[in-house]
Amino acid sequence: MSIRALRAPAALTLASALLLTACSTSSGSAEAGAADGEPTTITVTDMTGEVEVPAEPVAALGMYTTDVDILITLGYPLAGSQPVRDEGYEAYPSFFPDEVDDVETFTNFPEYNYEAILAAEPDFILNGLGYDDEVVAKLPEIAPTFSFNGFDGRDWREIFNETAVALDREEQYQAWTDTYEARVAEIKAELDARDIHPVVGPVDYWDGQVNASCYGVPCLVFADLGLEITPLAEGSTDGTSLSTEQLTQLSDIDVIFTTATPEADGTYPDVFEPVADNPLWQQLPAVTSGQIYTGDLEMLYGSPSGHMAYLEFVADSLLG
């Protein structure tokens, strides 16, 4: 998948000053490891080549929200401050692991907050924004960094697996995969037992058009559950955009799934309010039957907790 970023330059003098603190933290961790007789660093290979990272970090930081989730799933202790997106979020989604409950947050996207990253004093950074050369170059100046492109258009789980293997965390990756696959099997069995096999569609509204698209996690979950996906959503991640005069093309969809940023009280805005009075929209089967379900936008972006949450979102919607 692709994601647009606006880069904000870091102040070099501030970076130099705070870097001394970050290096001091990493040095302290290394000395503790050496005292225990264990290797303090390991050499791993990321998209930039061979990099040296702590064998057992004690203050890991994720460059993007999904990276924080991956760190937790792979068993890394977190630094006390971690980033969130500056797009309606001030904290982590409710479906994130309990480990984020005790961390402070700072906004780090779409503009990058290098000052806050330095102040967090990480001893290891997981950077899934590998498509941005500037980020890839700057972060190792702060702390040892493992970079990858988490938005290259592939199933994010392939990238998750590659990252886990490179960091020698296959056991943690496999534990998550086993849990997910077992839950998929349970849900599929219940759907089959109740003969629930709708045509589903991931549908959103923006810029005056209704869009059906397999961007991100939704179609991965639909496919795992054996659900039929509307052809409008398949193909490229851009899917199909429809004007308000073309809405009858959505008639093959029995159940519409959409996402939005939750309000402060946890409720969701009506994504389709702009077309609510359109007669073509009102006649759609998913509309007339009330089969439109809205979940947290953060589930789209490919991370262990987000993917599992979308699975449960679909299960709750279809099974009640």
Foldseek 3Di string as FASTA:
>chain_A
DDDDADEDDDDVVLLVVLLVVLVVVLVVQQVVCVVVVHHQWDWFQAPVGIFIAGLAWQAEEELEPQRVQLCVLLPHHHQQEYEYAPPQDLADDPLGDPSRVRHHYDHAPSYGDVSVVSVSSGQEYEYQCQVDPVCVVPVVSRHGYHYHPCPPQDQSLVVSCVVCVRSVSNVSSVVLVVVLLVVLVVLLVVCVVVVPAFAEFAWFDDPQWIFTAPQFQDVVLCVSSVHHYPPQHDDGRRGHIGHLVRLLSQQRGQAYEYEDAADPVRHGDDRCVVCPPRPSVCPRNCNVVVRYYYYHPVLRRHHSSSNSVVNVSVSVSRVD
